[in-house]
Amino acid sequence: MVILYVIYFLLFIIFALFAYAVLQIKLFGMNVKDFWSFIEANQILDKLYSYSKRYEKLSSQEQVIFLLEAERIFEAFDKIPNALWEDEYDKYKTVLESYESIKMLRWAESHN
């Protein structure tokens, strides 16, 4: 019987922590869905950051994929306050610069 009370108490603690996290996200002015998109985009940002260092060597198809993934990241980061992702700003900036360079390369190729 004591084990059952402990299990109920632990479930209550887990539920309370989850509710507290959702409340904090709402108080920060965000939607939970936007915050989850930000977490996923942050993981993709790390991958794109490694690709951004060698974007000139990417094939045409890889460049298109890079552009599409970068646009998804930019949209997710735009919905989140800057204070949450200021640690990732350098990676974001590097990916943005590579994104702009690839766009210019592809534009120049299409107009030749």
C-alpha atoms as a PDB file:
ATOM      1  CA  MET A   1       0.000   0.000   0.000  1.00  0.00           C
ATOM      2  CA  VAL A   2       2.875   2.346   0.789  1.00  0.00           C
ATOM      3  CA  ILE A   3       4.368   1.682  -2.637  1.00  0.00           C
ATOM      4  CA  LEU A   4       1.118   2.774  -4.246  1.00  0.00           C
ATOM      5  CA  TYR A   5       1.212   6.085  -2.333  1.00  0.00           C
ATOM      6  CA  VAL A   6       4.810   6.639  -3.398  1.00  0.00           C
ATOM      7  CA  ILE A   7       3.894   5.994  -7.025  1.00  0.00           C
ATOM      8  CA  TYR A   8       0.952   8.444  -6.808  1.00  0.00           C
ATOM      9  CA  PHE A   9       3.174  11.019  -5.168  1.00  0.00           C
ATOM     10  CA  LEU A  10       5.854  10.647  -7.872  1.00  0.00           C
ATOM     11  CA  LEU A  11       3.253  10.940 -10.625  1.00  0.00           C
ATOM     12  CA  PHE A  12       1.914  14.081  -8.976  1.00  0.00           C
ATOM     13  CA  ILE A  13       5.435  15.551  -8.823  1.00  0.00           C
ATOM     14  CA  ILE A  14       6.006  14.763 -12.513  1.00  0.00           C
ATOM     15  CA  PHE A  15       2.685  16.322 -13.487  1.00  0.00           C
ATOM     16  CA  ALA A  16       3.413  19.395 -11.350  1.00  0.00           C
ATOM     17  CA  LEU A  17       6.845  19.856 -12.957  1.00  0.00           C
ATOM     18  CA  PHE A  18       5.349  19.533 -16.416  1.00  0.00           C
ATOM     19  CA  ALA A  19       2.633  22.075 -15.589  1.00  0.00           C
ATOM     20  CA  TYR A  20       5.250  24.423 -14.139  1.00  0.00           C
ATOM     21  CA  ALA A  21       7.343  24.177 -17.326  1.00  0.00           C
ATOM     22  CA  VAL A  22       4.320  24.935 -19.504  1.00  0.00           C
ATOM     23  CA  LEU A  23       3.415  27.854 -17.247  1.00  0.00           C
ATOM     24  CA  GLN A  24       6.929  29.279 -17.526  1.00  0.00           C
ATOM     25  CA  ILE A  25       6.815  28.994 -21.311  1.00  0.00           C
ATOM     26  CA  LYS A  26       3.443  30.772 -21.391  1.00  0.00           C
ATOM     27  CA  LEU A  27       4.668  33.496 -19.029  1.00  0.00           C
ATOM     28  CA  PHE A  28       7.609  34.109 -21.338  1.00  0.00           C
ATOM     29  CA  GLY A  29       5.091  34.863 -24.077  1.00  0.00           C
ATOM     30  CA  MET A  30       5.507  31.765 -26.200  1.00  0.00           C
ATOM     31  CA  ASN A  31       3.423  28.853 -27.338  1.00  0.00           C
ATOM     32  CA  VAL A  32       4.521  25.381 -26.322  1.00  0.00           C
ATOM     33  CA  LYS A  33       4.471  24.341 -29.989  1.00  0.00           C
ATOM     34  CA  ASP A  34       6.810  27.230 -30.909  1.00  0.00           C
ATOM     35  CA  PHE A  35       9.138  26.313 -28.067  1.00  0.00           C
ATOM     36  CA  TRP A  36       9.226  22.686 -29.212  1.00  0.00           C
ATOM     37  CA  SER A  37       9.973  23.836 -32.777  1.00  0.00           C
ATOM     38  CA  PHE A  38      12.818  25.920 -31.366  1.00  0.00           C
ATOM     39  CA  ILE A  39      14.292  22.881 -29.606  1.00  0.00           C
ATOM     40  CA  GLU A  40      14.162  20.866 -32.835  1.00  0.00           C
ATOM     41  CA  ALA A  41      15.589  23.783 -34.827  1.00  0.00           C
ATOM     42  CA  ASN A  42      18.412  24.133 -32.347  1.00  0.00           C
ATOM     43  CA  GLN A  43      19.439  20.529 -33.025  1.00  0.00           C
ATOM     44  CA  ILE A  44      19.339  21.122 -36.778  1.00  0.00           C
ATOM     45  CA  LEU A  45      21.328  24.344 -36.321  1.00  0.00           C
ATOM     46  CA  ASP A  46      24.274  22.338 -35.031  1.00  0.00           C
ATOM     47  CA  LYS A  47      24.248  20.187 -38.170  1.00  0.00           C
ATOM     48  CA  LEU A  48      23.895  23.157 -40.501  1.00  0.00           C
ATOM     49  CA  TYR A  49      26.695  24.937 -38.681  1.00  0.00           C
ATOM     50  CA  SER A  50      29.089  22.143 -39.589  1.00  0.00           C
ATOM     51  CA  TYR A  51      27.897  22.273 -43.219  1.00  0.00           C
ATOM     52  CA  SER A  52      28.160  26.056 -43.346  1.00  0.00           C
ATOM     53  CA  LYS A  53      31.909  25.857 -42.932  1.00  0.00           C
ATOM     54  CA  ARG A  54      32.191  23.984 -46.223  1.00  0.00           C
ATOM     55  CA  TYR A  55      29.163  25.235 -48.148  1.00  0.00           C
ATOM     56  CA  GLU A  56      31.227  25.907 -51.281  1.00  0.00           C
ATOM     57  CA  LYS A  57      31.971  22.190 -51.609  1.00  0.00           C
ATOM     58  CA  LEU A  58      28.323  21.131 -51.362  1.00  0.00           C
ATOM     59  CA  SER A  59      26.622  19.783 -54.450  1.00  0.00           C
ATOM     60  CA  SER A  60      23.716  21.649 -55.958  1.00  0.00           C
ATOM     61  CA  GLN A  61      21.186  19.312 -54.354  1.00  0.00           C
ATOM     62  CA  GLU A  62      22.895  19.610 -50.953  1.00  0.00           C
ATOM     63  CA  GLN A  63      22.789  23.395 -51.265  1.00  0.00           C
ATOM     64  CA  VAL A  64      19.041  23.304 -51.876  1.00  0.00           C
ATOM     65  CA  ILE A  65      18.549  21.096 -48.825  1.00  0.00           C
ATOM     66  CA  PHE A  66      20.748  23.456 -46.806  1.00  0.00           C
ATOM     67  CA  LEU A  67      18.632  26.422 -47.912  1.00  0.00           C
ATOM     68  CA  LEU A  68      15.348  24.715 -47.021  1.00  0.00           C
ATOM     69  CA  GLU A  69      16.567  23.594 -43.602  1.00  0.00           C
ATOM     70  CA  ALA A  70      18.036  27.023 -42.886  1.00  0.00           C
ATOM     71  CA  GLU A  71      14.709  28.684 -43.705  1.00  0.00           C
ATOM     72  CA  ARG A  72      12.948  26.365 -41.250  1.00  0.00           C
ATOM     73  CA  ILE A  73      15.467  27.296 -38.581  1.00  0.00           C
ATOM     74  CA  PHE A  74      15.096  31.002 -39.222  1.00  0.00           C
ATOM     75  CA  GLU A  75      11.322  30.742 -38.866  1.00  0.00           C
ATOM     76  CA  ALA A  76      11.596  28.834 -35.587  1.00  0.00           C
ATOM     77  CA  PHE A  77      14.149  31.239 -34.140  1.00  0.00           C
ATOM     78  CA  ASP A  78      12.033  34.256 -35.134  1.00  0.00           C
ATOM     79  CA  LYS A  79       9.199  33.051 -32.888  1.00  0.00           C
ATOM     80  CA  ILE A  80      11.429  32.804 -29.797  1.00  0.00           C
ATOM     81  CA  PRO A  81      12.731  35.771 -27.766  1.00  0.00           C
ATOM     82  CA  ASN A  82      16.396  36.519 -28.395  1.00  0.00           C
ATOM     83  CA  ALA A  83      17.288  36.071 -24.733  1.00  0.00           C
ATOM     84  CA  LEU A  84      16.726  32.317 -25.033  1.00  0.00           C
ATOM     85  CA  TRP A  85      19.112  31.738 -27.913  1.00  0.00           C
ATOM     86  CA  GLU A  86      21.811  34.346 -27.428  1.00  0.00           C
ATOM     87  CA  ASP A  87      24.309  31.536 -26.729  1.00  0.00           C
ATOM     88  CA  GLU A  88      23.647  30.155 -30.203  1.00  0.00           C
ATOM     89  CA  TYR A  89      23.939  33.539 -31.951  1.00  0.00           C
ATOM     90  CA  ASP A  90      27.382  32.844 -33.441  1.00  0.00           C
ATOM     91  CA  LYS A  91      26.201  29.594 -35.024  1.00  0.00           C
ATOM     92  CA  TYR A  92      23.016  31.298 -36.236  1.00  0.00           C
ATOM     93  CA  LYS A  93      25.026  34.127 -37.789  1.00  0.00           C
ATOM     94  CA  THR A  94      27.419  31.719 -39.526  1.00  0.00           C
ATOM     95  CA  VAL A  95      24.516  29.721 -40.963  1.00  0.00           C
ATOM     96  CA  LEU A  96      22.818  32.948 -42.061  1.00  0.00           C
ATOM     97  CA  GLU A  97      25.966  34.136 -43.839  1.00  0.00           C
ATOM     98  CA  SER A  98      26.321  30.784 -45.602  1.00  0.00           C
ATOM     99  CA  TYR A  99      22.626  30.899 -46.509  1.00  0.00           C
ATOM    100  CA  GLU A 100      23.094  34.324 -48.102  1.00  0.00           C
ATOM    101  CA  SER A 101      26.229  33.186 -49.947  1.00  0.00           C
ATOM    102  CA  ILE A 102      24.528  30.100 -51.342  1.00  0.00           C
ATOM    103  CA  LYS A 103      21.539  32.195 -52.439  1.00  0.00           C
ATOM    104  CA  MET A 104      23.893  34.567 -54.261  1.00  0.00           C
ATOM    105  CA  LEU A 105      25.807  31.684 -55.880  1.00  0.00           C
ATOM    106  CA  ARG A 106      22.610  30.048 -57.056  1.00  0.00           C
ATOM    107  CA  TRP A 107      21.264  33.382 -58.325  1.00  0.00           C
ATOM    108  CA  ALA A 108      24.495  34.020 -60.236  1.00  0.00           C
ATOM    109  CA  GLU A 109      24.385  30.507 -61.733  1.00  0.00           C
ATOM    110  CA  SER A 110      20.789  30.927 -62.857  1.00  0.00           C
ATOM    111  CA  HIS A 111      21.544  34.241 -64.593  1.00  0.00           C
ATOM    112  CA  ASN A 112      24.511  32.965 -66.605  1.00  0.00           C
END
